């Protein structure tokens, strides 16, 4: 029986609440199966008092959407001095903002689909029709329209014909103030999970996703029968190796920690295009992370337990340096006296 006491955070008030609750239940089942004393809490007005009362050794963040992935809650856990499983607040903020993450990856030489970022205000004030015409001229068709912040493919739409682009933009703005419009890359869609465990950081086998209607949107991801998975993905050994390298490099460039999932497309020429990185991978019965764990012949319960124990051993994040921080400098050596003339 583990002596570690964990809190699993799940739920929240984002559009992904129901998915988060399902992920949280899966993590709790895994941790309890591994003998870890576990309590589930929601991100609500009672959270701070409940955390103070429980005083967990570590927190497992299973919150999806802004509540768990934009870094704010992790900042709160840092303020409370509580260790947690997952990436730090600054890294979450970088990964959460898709255009910023794409810029970081592009700078590092990691291939991402060409894109344009359009705030709702710009779209409205400068004339939607003219902007969309120029956008199609630049990026071509088909396109993928999605919010710059968010997960679970909420608000994401594939656009095959130019006349369908305005409706896709309007729908996207229902989930965020800014749209990311990317060239839709045709190929094999995969998710590559990354974990940091005692044996080192490793990319798990890529899982291939085949959506029934060709688009891996929210409905395809979380509705039974709307998608099929192939684990490992139906790709060559060389491409599998490239995917693993790209996923590990993405994890590193974005400064991620403990676990992540990198979503990518392998095009017909075998090139890997990174779509985004997820700092709180889904843990539901239709999620890619648990399937990758199983394919790697790892035990999900033992993995979750190890992540919690490693977070507890790591301890809380160090306090930020500020005006009151005392910096101890090595004493300056006394100068050697000059020799007498």
C-alpha atoms as a PDB file:
ATOM      1  CA  UNK A   1       0.000   0.000   0.000  1.00  0.00           C
ATOM      2  CA  UNK A   2       1.405   3.356  -1.037  1.00  0.00           C
ATOM      3  CA  UNK A   3       1.895   5.949   1.678  1.00  0.00           C
ATOM      4  CA  UNK A   4       1.315   8.733  -0.858  1.00  0.00           C
ATOM      5  CA  UNK A   5      -1.936  10.661  -0.678  1.00  0.00           C
ATOM      6  CA  UNK A   6      -3.134  12.190  -3.944  1.00  0.00           C
ATOM      7  CA  UNK A   7      -5.852  14.547  -5.097  1.00  0.00           C
ATOM      8  CA  UNK A   8      -7.169  14.231  -8.647  1.00  0.00           C
ATOM      9  CA  UNK A   9      -8.599  17.456 -10.041  1.00  0.00           C
ATOM     10  CA  UNK A  10     -11.370  16.912 -12.591  1.00  0.00           C
ATOM     11  CA  UNK A  11     -14.392  18.760 -13.866  1.00  0.00           C
ATOM     12  CA  UNK A  12     -14.092  22.531 -14.027  1.00  0.00           C
ATOM     13  CA  UNK A  13     -16.343  24.910 -15.901  1.00  0.00           C
ATOM     14  CA  UNK A  14     -14.899  24.680 -19.420  1.00  0.00           C
ATOM     15  CA  UNK A  15     -16.660  23.203 -22.437  1.00  0.00           C
ATOM     16  CA  UNK A  16     -14.665  20.037 -21.730  1.00  0.00           C
ATOM     17  CA  UNK A  17     -16.079  19.420 -18.256  1.00  0.00           C
ATOM     18  CA  UNK A  18     -17.688  16.069 -19.063  1.00  0.00           C
ATOM     19  CA  UNK A  19     -14.546  14.768 -20.747  1.00  0.00           C
ATOM     20  CA  UNK A  20     -12.511  15.900 -17.741  1.00  0.00           C
ATOM     21  CA  UNK A  21     -14.800  14.077 -15.321  1.00  0.00           C
ATOM     22  CA  UNK A  22     -14.390  10.884 -17.335  1.00  0.00           C
ATOM     23  CA  UNK A  23     -10.604  11.327 -17.372  1.00  0.00           C
ATOM     24  CA  UNK A  24     -10.608  11.958 -13.636  1.00  0.00           C
ATOM     25  CA  UNK A  25     -12.562   8.796 -12.912  1.00  0.00           C
ATOM     26  CA  UNK A  26     -10.099   6.761 -14.971  1.00  0.00           C
ATOM     27  CA  UNK A  27      -7.100   8.217 -13.128  1.00  0.00           C
ATOM     28  CA  UNK A  28      -8.726   7.656  -9.730  1.00  0.00           C
ATOM     29  CA  UNK A  29      -9.493   4.032 -10.600  1.00  0.00           C
ATOM     30  CA  UNK A  30      -5.886   3.557 -11.713  1.00  0.00           C
ATOM     31  CA  UNK A  31      -4.365   5.151  -8.609  1.00  0.00           C
ATOM     32  CA  UNK A  32      -6.624   3.286  -6.201  1.00  0.00           C
ATOM     33  CA  UNK A  33      -5.864   0.046  -8.024  1.00  0.00           C
ATOM     34  CA  UNK A  34      -2.179   0.787  -7.418  1.00  0.00           C
ATOM     35  CA  UNK A  35      -2.877   1.346  -3.714  1.00  0.00           C
ATOM     36  CA  UNK A  36      -2.690   5.153  -3.671  1.00  0.00           C
ATOM     37  CA  UNK A  37      -5.103   6.922  -1.319  1.00  0.00           C
ATOM     38  CA  UNK A  38      -6.953   9.224  -3.705  1.00  0.00           C
ATOM     39  CA  UNK A  39      -9.619  11.931  -3.467  1.00  0.00           C
ATOM     40  CA  UNK A  40     -11.324  13.641  -6.412  1.00  0.00           C
ATOM     41  CA  UNK A  41     -11.951  17.387  -6.233  1.00  0.00           C
ATOM     42  CA  UNK A  42     -13.532  19.845  -8.635  1.00  0.00           C
ATOM     43  CA  UNK A  43     -12.137  23.267  -9.487  1.00  0.00           C
ATOM     44  CA  UNK A  44     -14.756  25.312  -7.653  1.00  0.00           C
ATOM     45  CA  UNK A  45     -15.105  27.736  -4.756  1.00  0.00           C
ATOM     46  CA  UNK A  46     -14.428  25.015  -2.198  1.00  0.00           C
ATOM     47  CA  UNK A  47     -11.155  23.850  -3.723  1.00  0.00           C
ATOM     48  CA  UNK A  48      -8.666  25.873  -1.669  1.00  0.00           C
ATOM     49  CA  UNK A  49     -10.259  24.937   1.648  1.00  0.00           C
ATOM     50  CA  UNK A  50     -10.490  21.282   0.626  1.00  0.00           C
ATOM     51  CA  UNK A  51      -6.842  21.169  -0.434  1.00  0.00           C
ATOM     52  CA  UNK A  52      -5.799  22.742   2.857  1.00  0.00           C
ATOM     53  CA  UNK A  53      -7.847  20.181   4.769  1.00  0.00           C
ATOM     54  CA  UNK A  54      -6.566  17.155   2.838  1.00  0.00           C
ATOM     55  CA  UNK A  55      -2.945  18.341   2.500  1.00  0.00           C
ATOM     56  CA  UNK A  56      -2.145  15.899  -0.333  1.00  0.00           C
ATOM     57  CA  UNK A  57       1.382  14.819  -1.148  1.00  0.00           C
ATOM     58  CA  UNK A  58       0.711  15.578  -4.814  1.00  0.00           C
ATOM     59  CA  UNK A  59      -2.069  16.671  -7.156  1.00  0.00           C
ATOM     60  CA  UNK A  60      -2.869  14.961 -10.462  1.00  0.00           C
ATOM     61  CA  UNK A  61      -4.399  17.519 -12.836  1.00  0.00           C
ATOM     62  CA  UNK A  62      -7.015  15.800 -15.023  1.00  0.00           C
ATOM     63  CA  UNK A  63      -8.740  19.046 -15.951  1.00  0.00           C
ATOM     64  CA  UNK A  64      -9.149  19.726 -19.664  1.00  0.00           C
ATOM     65  CA  UNK A  65      -9.744  23.071 -21.316  1.00  0.00           C
ATOM     66  CA  UNK A  66      -8.667  26.375 -19.829  1.00  0.00           C
ATOM     67  CA  UNK A  67      -9.203  25.238 -16.236  1.00  0.00           C
ATOM     68  CA  UNK A  68      -6.393  22.730 -16.383  1.00  0.00           C
ATOM     69  CA  UNK A  69      -4.273  23.649 -19.374  1.00  0.00           C
ATOM     70  CA  UNK A  70      -3.763  27.425 -19.479  1.00  0.00           C
ATOM     71  CA  UNK A  71      -1.419  27.436 -16.484  1.00  0.00           C
ATOM     72  CA  UNK A  72      -3.614  29.441 -14.100  1.00  0.00           C
ATOM     73  CA  UNK A  73      -4.567  26.568 -11.800  1.00  0.00           C
ATOM     74  CA  UNK A  74      -0.985  25.347 -11.718  1.00  0.00           C
ATOM     75  CA  UNK A  75       0.044  28.812 -10.611  1.00  0.00           C
ATOM     76  CA  UNK A  76      -2.480  28.447  -7.776  1.00  0.00           C
ATOM     77  CA  UNK A  77      -1.020  25.060  -6.798  1.00  0.00           C
ATOM     78  CA  UNK A  78       2.404  26.708  -6.735  1.00  0.00           C
ATOM     79  CA  UNK A  79       1.049  29.449  -4.467  1.00  0.00           C
ATOM     80  CA  UNK A  80      -0.247  26.756  -2.129  1.00  0.00           C
ATOM     81  CA  UNK A  81       3.095  24.955  -2.170  1.00  0.00           C
ATOM     82  CA  UNK A  82       1.548  21.755  -3.557  1.00  0.00           C
ATOM     83  CA  UNK A  83       3.496  19.493  -5.919  1.00  0.00           C
ATOM     84  CA  UNK A  84       1.564  18.389  -8.996  1.00  0.00           C
ATOM     85  CA  UNK A  85       1.872  15.991 -11.894  1.00  0.00           C
ATOM     86  CA  UNK A  86       2.377  17.739 -15.207  1.00  0.00           C
ATOM     87  CA  UNK A  87       3.912  20.742 -16.850  1.00  0.00           C
ATOM     88  CA  UNK A  88       4.689  24.011 -15.110  1.00  0.00           C
ATOM     89  CA  UNK A  89       2.430  27.033 -15.468  1.00  0.00           C
ATOM     90  CA  UNK A  90       4.681  28.888 -17.982  1.00  0.00           C
ATOM     91  CA  UNK A  91       4.977  25.800 -20.200  1.00  0.00           C
ATOM     92  CA  UNK A  92       1.217  25.287 -20.079  1.00  0.00           C
ATOM     93  CA  UNK A  93       0.631  28.856 -21.189  1.00  0.00           C
ATOM     94  CA  UNK A  94       2.946  28.346 -24.154  1.00  0.00           C
ATOM     95  CA  UNK A  95       1.380  25.068 -25.259  1.00  0.00           C
ATOM     96  CA  UNK A  96      -2.171  26.356 -24.654  1.00  0.00           C
ATOM     97  CA  UNK A  97      -1.735  29.255 -27.085  1.00  0.00           C
ATOM     98  CA  UNK A  98      -1.497  27.418 -30.398  1.00  0.00           C
ATOM     99  CA  UNK A  99       0.024  30.262 -32.478  1.00  0.00           C
ATOM    100  CA  UNK A 100       2.730  30.858 -29.845  1.00  0.00           C
ATOM    101  CA  UNK A 101       3.448  27.144 -29.642  1.00  0.00           C
ATOM    102  CA  UNK A 102       3.638  26.934 -33.439  1.00  0.00           C
ATOM    103  CA  UNK A 103       6.116  29.831 -33.495  1.00  0.00           C
ATOM    104  CA  UNK A 104       8.329  28.096 -30.934  1.00  0.00           C
ATOM    105  CA  UNK A 105       8.214  24.839 -32.890  1.00  0.00           C
ATOM    106  CA  UNK A 106       8.860  26.570 -36.220  1.00  0.00           C
ATOM    107  CA  UNK A 107      11.893  28.308 -34.712  1.00  0.00           C
ATOM    108  CA  UNK A 108      13.171  24.922 -33.549  1.00  0.00           C
ATOM    109  CA  UNK A 109      12.819  23.509 -37.068  1.00  0.00           C
ATOM    110  CA  UNK A 110       9.757  21.380 -36.323  1.00  0.00           C
ATOM    111  CA  UNK A 111       7.296  21.303 -39.221  1.00  0.00           C
ATOM    112  CA  UNK A 112       3.793  22.681 -38.597  1.00  0.00           C
ATOM    113  CA  UNK A 113       1.020  23.454 -41.133  1.00  0.00           C
ATOM    114  CA  UNK A 114       1.112  26.951 -42.672  1.00  0.00           C
ATOM    115  CA  UNK A 115      -1.452  29.129 -40.933  1.00  0.00           C
ATOM    116  CA  UNK A 116      -3.051  32.534 -40.410  1.00  0.00           C
ATOM    117  CA  UNK A 117      -4.398  33.890 -37.109  1.00  0.00           C
ATOM    118  CA  UNK A 118      -7.570  35.981 -37.273  1.00  0.00           C
ATOM    119  CA  UNK A 119      -9.088  37.692 -34.206  1.00  0.00           C
ATOM    120  CA  UNK A 120     -12.846  38.125 -34.299  1.00  0.00           C
ATOM    121  CA  UNK A 121     -12.469  41.904 -34.206  1.00  0.00           C
ATOM    122  CA  UNK A 122     -10.248  41.893 -37.293  1.00  0.00           C
ATOM    123  CA  UNK A 123     -12.575  39.476 -39.059  1.00  0.00           C
ATOM    124  CA  UNK A 124     -15.546  41.769 -38.348  1.00  0.00           C
ATOM    125  CA  UNK A 125     -14.016  45.216 -38.824  1.00  0.00           C
ATOM    126  CA  UNK A 126     -11.912  44.704 -41.960  1.00  0.00           C
ATOM    127  CA  UNK A 127     -14.521  42.876 -43.984  1.00  0.00           C
ATOM    128  CA  UNK A 128     -14.960  39.142 -43.693  1.00  0.00           C
ATOM    129  CA  UNK A 129     -15.449  38.430 -47.388  1.00  0.00           C
ATOM    130  CA  UNK A 130     -12.263  40.149 -48.552  1.00  0.00           C
ATOM    131  CA  UNK A 131     -10.188  38.615 -45.750  1.00  0.00           C
ATOM    132  CA  UNK A 132     -11.410  35.104 -46.450  1.00  0.00           C
ATOM    133  CA  UNK A 133     -10.735  35.443 -50.164  1.00  0.00           C
ATOM    134  CA  UNK A 134      -7.138  36.430 -49.471  1.00  0.00           C
ATOM    135  CA  UNK A 135      -6.826  33.652 -46.892  1.00  0.00           C
ATOM    136  CA  UNK A 136      -7.865  31.012 -49.429  1.00  0.00           C
ATOM    137  CA  UNK A 137      -5.499  32.530 -52.001  1.00  0.00           C
ATOM    138  CA  UNK A 138      -2.602  32.209 -49.560  1.00  0.00           C
ATOM    139  CA  UNK A 139      -3.245  28.863 -47.891  1.00  0.00           C
ATOM    140  CA  UNK A 140      -5.322  27.098 -50.527  1.00  0.00           C
ATOM    141  CA  UNK A 141      -7.931  24.446 -49.789  1.00  0.00           C
ATOM    142  CA  UNK A 142      -8.781  22.369 -47.831  1.00  0.00           C
ATOM    143  CA  UNK A 143      -8.392  24.244 -44.542  1.00  0.00           C
ATOM    144  CA  UNK A 144      -8.776  23.510 -40.841  1.00  0.00           C
ATOM    145  CA  UNK A 145     -10.365  26.227 -38.705  1.00  0.00           C
ATOM    146  CA  UNK A 146     -10.023  26.012 -34.908  1.00  0.00           C
ATOM    147  CA  UNK A 147      -9.815  28.264 -31.850  1.00  0.00           C
ATOM    148  CA  UNK A 148      -6.316  29.371 -30.918  1.00  0.00           C
ATOM    149  CA  UNK A 149      -6.946  28.130 -27.380  1.00  0.00           C
ATOM    150  CA  UNK A 150      -8.839  25.012 -26.416  1.00  0.00           C
ATOM    151  CA  UNK A 151      -8.827  21.269 -26.726  1.00  0.00           C
ATOM    152  CA  UNK A 152     -10.872  18.212 -27.653  1.00  0.00           C
ATOM    153  CA  UNK A 153     -11.287  19.719 -31.156  1.00  0.00           C
ATOM    154  CA  UNK A 154     -14.160  21.889 -29.906  1.00  0.00           C
ATOM    155  CA  UNK A 155     -14.976  24.541 -32.503  1.00  0.00           C
ATOM    156  CA  UNK A 156     -12.722  22.874 -35.090  1.00  0.00           C
ATOM    157  CA  UNK A 157     -14.007  22.473 -38.638  1.00  0.00           C
ATOM    158  CA  UNK A 158     -12.512  21.124 -41.844  1.00  0.00           C
ATOM    159  CA  UNK A 159     -13.320  23.308 -44.849  1.00  0.00           C
ATOM    160  CA  UNK A 160     -13.231  21.722 -48.285  1.00  0.00           C
ATOM    161  CA  UNK A 161     -14.940  24.518 -50.248  1.00  0.00           C
ATOM    162  CA  UNK A 162     -14.471  28.279 -49.992  1.00  0.00           C
ATOM    163  CA  UNK A 163     -18.203  28.941 -49.571  1.00  0.00           C
ATOM    164  CA  UNK A 164     -18.164  26.914 -46.333  1.00  0.00           C
ATOM    165  CA  UNK A 165     -15.403  28.984 -44.742  1.00  0.00           C
ATOM    166  CA  UNK A 166     -17.572  31.826 -43.314  1.00  0.00           C
ATOM    167  CA  UNK A 167     -19.800  29.410 -41.395  1.00  0.00           C
ATOM    168  CA  UNK A 168     -16.748  27.582 -40.033  1.00  0.00           C
ATOM    169  CA  UNK A 169     -15.290  30.883 -38.828  1.00  0.00           C
ATOM    170  CA  UNK A 170     -18.507  31.913 -37.093  1.00  0.00           C
ATOM    171  CA  UNK A 171     -18.750  28.529 -35.383  1.00  0.00           C
ATOM    172  CA  UNK A 172     -15.115  28.742 -34.293  1.00  0.00           C
ATOM    173  CA  UNK A 173     -15.674  32.175 -32.741  1.00  0.00           C
ATOM    174  CA  UNK A 174     -18.323  30.574 -30.567  1.00  0.00           C
ATOM    175  CA  UNK A 175     -15.473  28.927 -28.647  1.00  0.00           C
ATOM    176  CA  UNK A 176     -12.898  31.695 -28.640  1.00  0.00           C
ATOM    177  CA  UNK A 177     -12.137  35.231 -29.780  1.00  0.00           C
ATOM    178  CA  UNK A 178      -9.390  34.226 -32.198  1.00  0.00           C
ATOM    179  CA  UNK A 179      -9.318  31.638 -34.968  1.00  0.00           C
ATOM    180  CA  UNK A 180      -6.325  29.702 -36.222  1.00  0.00           C
ATOM    181  CA  UNK A 181      -6.765  28.794 -39.883  1.00  0.00           C
ATOM    182  CA  UNK A 182      -4.326  26.144 -41.085  1.00  0.00           C
ATOM    183  CA  UNK A 183      -3.745  24.357 -44.326  1.00  0.00           C
ATOM    184  CA  UNK A 184      -5.319  20.936 -43.835  1.00  0.00           C
ATOM    185  CA  UNK A 185      -2.600  18.351 -44.313  1.00  0.00           C
ATOM    186  CA  UNK A 186      -3.778  15.075 -45.796  1.00  0.00           C
ATOM    187  CA  UNK A 187      -2.239  11.919 -44.410  1.00  0.00           C
ATOM    188  CA  UNK A 188      -2.166   9.669 -41.376  1.00  0.00           C
ATOM    189  CA  UNK A 189      -3.297  11.324 -38.146  1.00  0.00           C
ATOM    190  CA  UNK A 190      -1.524  10.119 -35.023  1.00  0.00           C
ATOM    191  CA  UNK A 191      -1.076  10.925 -31.372  1.00  0.00           C
ATOM    192  CA  UNK A 192       2.306  10.327 -29.749  1.00  0.00           C
ATOM    193  CA  UNK A 193       2.327  10.301 -25.953  1.00  0.00           C
ATOM    194  CA  UNK A 194       5.448  11.206 -23.991  1.00  0.00           C
ATOM    195  CA  UNK A 195       6.146  10.170 -20.396  1.00  0.00           C
ATOM    196  CA  UNK A 196       8.968  10.888 -17.988  1.00  0.00           C
ATOM    197  CA  UNK A 197       9.558   7.956 -15.672  1.00  0.00           C
ATOM    198  CA  UNK A 198      12.419   6.418 -13.718  1.00  0.00           C
ATOM    199  CA  UNK A 199      13.887   4.829 -16.836  1.00  0.00           C
ATOM    200  CA  UNK A 200      13.972   8.198 -18.570  1.00  0.00           C
ATOM    201  CA  UNK A 201      11.854  10.225 -20.946  1.00  0.00           C
ATOM    202  CA  UNK A 202      10.271   8.165 -23.694  1.00  0.00           C
ATOM    203  CA  UNK A 203       7.824   8.447 -26.555  1.00  0.00           C
ATOM    204  CA  UNK A 204       5.190   5.727 -26.468  1.00  0.00           C
ATOM    205  CA  UNK A 205       4.068   3.984 -29.672  1.00  0.00           C
ATOM    206  CA  UNK A 206       2.129   6.248 -32.013  1.00  0.00           C
ATOM    207  CA  UNK A 207      -1.619   5.635 -32.104  1.00  0.00           C
ATOM    208  CA  UNK A 208      -3.348   6.160 -35.458  1.00  0.00           C
ATOM    209  CA  UNK A 209      -6.788   7.761 -35.506  1.00  0.00           C
ATOM    210  CA  UNK A 210      -9.264   7.089 -38.303  1.00  0.00           C
ATOM    211  CA  UNK A 211     -12.441   9.164 -38.002  1.00  0.00           C
ATOM    212  CA  UNK A 212     -15.576   7.727 -39.604  1.00  0.00           C
ATOM    213  CA  UNK A 213     -16.280  10.928 -41.550  1.00  0.00           C
ATOM    214  CA  UNK A 214     -12.631  11.814 -42.073  1.00  0.00           C
ATOM    215  CA  UNK A 215     -12.483  14.597 -39.459  1.00  0.00           C
ATOM    216  CA  UNK A 216     -11.181  13.951 -35.944  1.00  0.00           C
ATOM    217  CA  UNK A 217     -13.497  16.467 -34.279  1.00  0.00           C
ATOM    218  CA  UNK A 218     -15.124  16.409 -30.828  1.00  0.00           C
ATOM    219  CA  UNK A 219     -17.894  14.050 -31.925  1.00  0.00           C
ATOM    220  CA  UNK A 220     -15.419  11.625 -33.482  1.00  0.00           C
ATOM    221  CA  UNK A 221     -13.174  11.662 -30.426  1.00  0.00           C
ATOM    222  CA  UNK A 222     -15.780  11.043 -27.750  1.00  0.00           C
ATOM    223  CA  UNK A 223     -18.620   9.161 -29.438  1.00  0.00           C
ATOM    224  CA  UNK A 224     -18.338   5.381 -29.486  1.00  0.00           C
ATOM    225  CA  UNK A 225     -18.158   4.044 -33.024  1.00  0.00           C
ATOM    226  CA  UNK A 226     -17.215   7.361 -34.649  1.00  0.00           C
ATOM    227  CA  UNK A 227     -13.509   6.564 -34.770  1.00  0.00           C
ATOM    228  CA  UNK A 228     -11.243   3.569 -34.964  1.00  0.00           C
ATOM    229  CA  UNK A 229      -7.716   3.333 -33.643  1.00  0.00           C
ATOM    230  CA  UNK A 230      -4.657   1.399 -34.674  1.00  0.00           C
ATOM    231  CA  UNK A 231      -2.066   0.877 -31.982  1.00  0.00           C
ATOM    232  CA  UNK A 232       0.648   0.901 -32.989  1.00  0.00           C
ATOM    233  CA  UNK A 233      -0.031   3.093 -36.016  1.00  0.00           C
ATOM    234  CA  UNK A 234       0.163   1.499 -39.467  1.00  0.00           C
ATOM    235  CA  UNK A 235       3.414   3.185 -40.437  1.00  0.00           C
ATOM    236  CA  UNK A 236       6.912   2.071 -41.284  1.00  0.00           C
ATOM    237  CA  UNK A 237       9.575   1.656 -38.633  1.00  0.00           C
ATOM    238  CA  UNK A 238      11.459   4.647 -40.054  1.00  0.00           C
ATOM    239  CA  UNK A 239       8.426   6.932 -39.791  1.00  0.00           C
ATOM    240  CA  UNK A 240       7.652   5.603 -36.303  1.00  0.00           C
ATOM    241  CA  UNK A 241      11.184   6.552 -35.285  1.00  0.00           C
ATOM    242  CA  UNK A 242      10.806  10.017 -36.834  1.00  0.00           C
ATOM    243  CA  UNK A 243       7.513  10.514 -34.983  1.00  0.00           C
ATOM    244  CA  UNK A 244       9.103   9.570 -31.679  1.00  0.00           C
ATOM    245  CA  UNK A 245      11.971  12.015 -32.235  1.00  0.00           C
ATOM    246  CA  UNK A 246       9.596  14.838 -33.205  1.00  0.00           C
ATOM    247  CA  UNK A 247       7.353  14.200 -30.191  1.00  0.00           C
ATOM    248  CA  UNK A 248      10.303  14.198 -27.800  1.00  0.00           C
ATOM    249  CA  UNK A 249      11.688  17.355 -29.390  1.00  0.00           C
ATOM    250  CA  UNK A 250       8.265  19.055 -29.164  1.00  0.00           C
ATOM    251  CA  UNK A 251       8.011  18.086 -25.487  1.00  0.00           C
ATOM    252  CA  UNK A 252      11.463  19.592 -24.943  1.00  0.00           C
ATOM    253  CA  UNK A 253      10.979  22.804 -26.961  1.00  0.00           C
ATOM    254  CA  UNK A 254       7.729  23.642 -25.170  1.00  0.00           C
ATOM    255  CA  UNK A 255       9.290  22.855 -21.800  1.00  0.00           C
ATOM    256  CA  UNK A 256       6.735  20.171 -20.939  1.00  0.00           C
ATOM    257  CA  UNK A 257       7.042  17.836 -17.967  1.00  0.00           C
ATOM    258  CA  UNK A 258       5.914  14.384 -16.799  1.00  0.00           C
ATOM    259  CA  UNK A 259       3.419  13.591 -19.570  1.00  0.00           C
ATOM    260  CA  UNK A 260       2.118  15.054 -22.809  1.00  0.00           C
ATOM    261  CA  UNK A 261       0.541  14.050 -26.085  1.00  0.00           C
ATOM    262  CA  UNK A 262       1.705  15.407 -29.418  1.00  0.00           C
ATOM    263  CA  UNK A 263      -0.845  15.325 -32.248  1.00  0.00           C
ATOM    264  CA  UNK A 264       0.598  15.130 -35.733  1.00  0.00           C
ATOM    265  CA  UNK A 265      -0.073  14.270 -39.372  1.00  0.00           C
ATOM    266  CA  UNK A 266       2.242  12.154 -41.474  1.00  0.00           C
ATOM    267  CA  UNK A 267       1.775  13.277 -45.070  1.00  0.00           C
ATOM    268  CA  UNK A 268       2.031  11.120 -48.166  1.00  0.00           C
ATOM    269  CA  UNK A 269       5.747  11.896 -48.451  1.00  0.00           C
ATOM    270  CA  UNK A 270       6.397  10.696 -44.892  1.00  0.00           C
ATOM    271  CA  UNK A 271       6.907  14.164 -43.413  1.00  0.00           C
ATOM    272  CA  UNK A 272       5.708  14.782 -39.852  1.00  0.00           C
ATOM    273  CA  UNK A 273       3.586  17.918 -39.283  1.00  0.00           C
ATOM    274  CA  UNK A 274       2.921  18.756 -35.633  1.00  0.00           C
ATOM    275  CA  UNK A 275      -0.606  20.047 -35.010  1.00  0.00           C
ATOM    276  CA  UNK A 276      -0.436  20.733 -31.273  1.00  0.00           C
ATOM    277  CA  UNK A 277       0.751  19.437 -27.915  1.00  0.00           C
ATOM    278  CA  UNK A 278      -1.572  18.600 -25.041  1.00  0.00           C
ATOM    279  CA  UNK A 279      -0.370  19.062 -21.450  1.00  0.00           C
ATOM    280  CA  UNK A 280      -3.320  17.155 -19.958  1.00  0.00           C
ATOM    281  CA  UNK A 281      -3.877  14.143 -22.233  1.00  0.00           C
ATOM    282  CA  UNK A 282      -7.308  12.573 -22.091  1.00  0.00           C
ATOM    283  CA  UNK A 283      -7.626   9.461 -19.948  1.00  0.00           C
ATOM    284  CA  UNK A 284     -11.095   8.319 -21.061  1.00  0.00           C
ATOM    285  CA  UNK A 285     -12.001   4.968 -22.582  1.00  0.00           C
ATOM    286  CA  UNK A 286     -11.612   6.522 -26.063  1.00  0.00           C
ATOM    287  CA  UNK A 287      -8.449   8.534 -25.323  1.00  0.00           C
ATOM    288  CA  UNK A 288      -5.121   7.923 -27.019  1.00  0.00           C
ATOM    289  CA  UNK A 289      -2.849   8.142 -23.962  1.00  0.00           C
ATOM    290  CA  UNK A 290      -4.131   5.014 -22.160  1.00  0.00           C
ATOM    291  CA  UNK A 291      -4.115   3.116 -25.456  1.00  0.00           C
ATOM    292  CA  UNK A 292      -0.479   4.107 -26.047  1.00  0.00           C
ATOM    293  CA  UNK A 293       0.402   3.000 -22.499  1.00  0.00           C
ATOM    294  CA  UNK A 294      -1.202  -0.381 -23.131  1.00  0.00           C
ATOM    295  CA  UNK A 295       0.556  -0.737 -26.497  1.00  0.00           C
ATOM    296  CA  UNK A 296       3.895  -0.021 -24.821  1.00  0.00           C
ATOM    297  CA  UNK A 297       3.106  -2.884 -22.418  1.00  0.00           C
ATOM    298  CA  UNK A 298       3.092  -0.516 -19.451  1.00  0.00           C
ATOM    299  CA  UNK A 299       0.555  -0.651 -16.638  1.00  0.00           C
ATOM    300  CA  UNK A 300      -1.585   2.498 -16.448  1.00  0.00           C
ATOM    301  CA  UNK A 301      -2.117   2.125 -12.705  1.00  0.00           C
ATOM    302  CA  UNK A 302       1.599   1.783 -11.992  1.00  0.00           C
ATOM    303  CA  UNK A 303       2.409   4.646 -14.373  1.00  0.00           C
ATOM    304  CA  UNK A 304      -0.047   7.010 -12.677  1.00  0.00           C
ATOM    305  CA  UNK A 305       1.306   5.959  -9.283  1.00  0.00           C
ATOM    306  CA  UNK A 306       4.886   6.618 -10.387  1.00  0.00           C
ATOM    307  CA  UNK A 307       3.990  10.046 -11.760  1.00  0.00           C
ATOM    308  CA  UNK A 308       2.318  10.980  -8.474  1.00  0.00           C
ATOM    309  CA  UNK A 309       5.219   9.677  -6.384  1.00  0.00           C
ATOM    310  CA  UNK A 310       7.772  11.463  -8.560  1.00  0.00           C
ATOM    311  CA  UNK A 311       5.824  14.720  -8.210  1.00  0.00           C
ATOM    312  CA  UNK A 312       5.660  14.277  -4.432  1.00  0.00           C
ATOM    313  CA  UNK A 313       9.397  13.596  -4.278  1.00  0.00           C
ATOM    314  CA  UNK A 314      10.109  16.613  -6.503  1.00  0.00           C
ATOM    315  CA  UNK A 315       8.186  18.840  -4.121  1.00  0.00           C
ATOM    316  CA  UNK A 316       6.611  22.230  -4.795  1.00  0.00           C
ATOM    317  CA  UNK A 317       7.979  24.616  -7.370  1.00  0.00           C
ATOM    318  CA  UNK A 318      10.647  26.932  -5.997  1.00  0.00           C
ATOM    319  CA  UNK A 319       9.457  30.467  -5.199  1.00  0.00           C
ATOM    320  CA  UNK A 320      10.030  33.123  -7.798  1.00  0.00           C
ATOM    321  CA  UNK A 321      12.967  35.411  -7.182  1.00  0.00           C
ATOM    322  CA  UNK A 322      11.936  38.921  -6.135  1.00  0.00           C
ATOM    323  CA  UNK A 323      13.154  41.998  -4.301  1.00  0.00           C
ATOM    324  CA  UNK A 324      13.016  40.175  -0.971  1.00  0.00           C
ATOM    325  CA  UNK A 325      14.986  37.182  -2.189  1.00  0.00           C
ATOM    326  CA  UNK A 326      18.390  36.984  -0.599  1.00  0.00           C
ATOM    327  CA  UNK A 327      21.076  35.972  -3.028  1.00  0.00           C
ATOM    328  CA  UNK A 328      24.203  34.667  -1.364  1.00  0.00           C
ATOM    329  CA  UNK A 329      27.352  35.463  -3.269  1.00  0.00           C
ATOM    330  CA  UNK A 330      30.703  33.859  -2.805  1.00  0.00           C
ATOM    331  CA  UNK A 331      33.061  36.158  -0.944  1.00  0.00           C
ATOM    332  CA  UNK A 332      35.289  38.139  -3.214  1.00  0.00           C
ATOM    333  CA  UNK A 333      38.849  36.884  -2.928  1.00  0.00           C
ATOM    334  CA  UNK A 334      41.356  39.245  -1.407  1.00  0.00           C
ATOM    335  CA  UNK A 335      43.762  40.637  -4.017  1.00  0.00           C
ATOM    336  CA  UNK A 336      47.256  39.316  -3.775  1.00  0.00           C
ATOM    337  CA  UNK A 337      49.674  42.036  -2.699  1.00  0.00           C
ATOM    338  CA  UNK A 338      51.964  43.293  -5.365  1.00  0.00           C
ATOM    339  CA  UNK A 339      55.534  42.212  -4.889  1.00  0.00           C
ATOM    340  CA  UNK A 340      57.827  44.760  -3.349  1.00  0.00           C
ATOM    341  CA  UNK A 341      59.962  46.530  -5.895  1.00  0.00           C
END
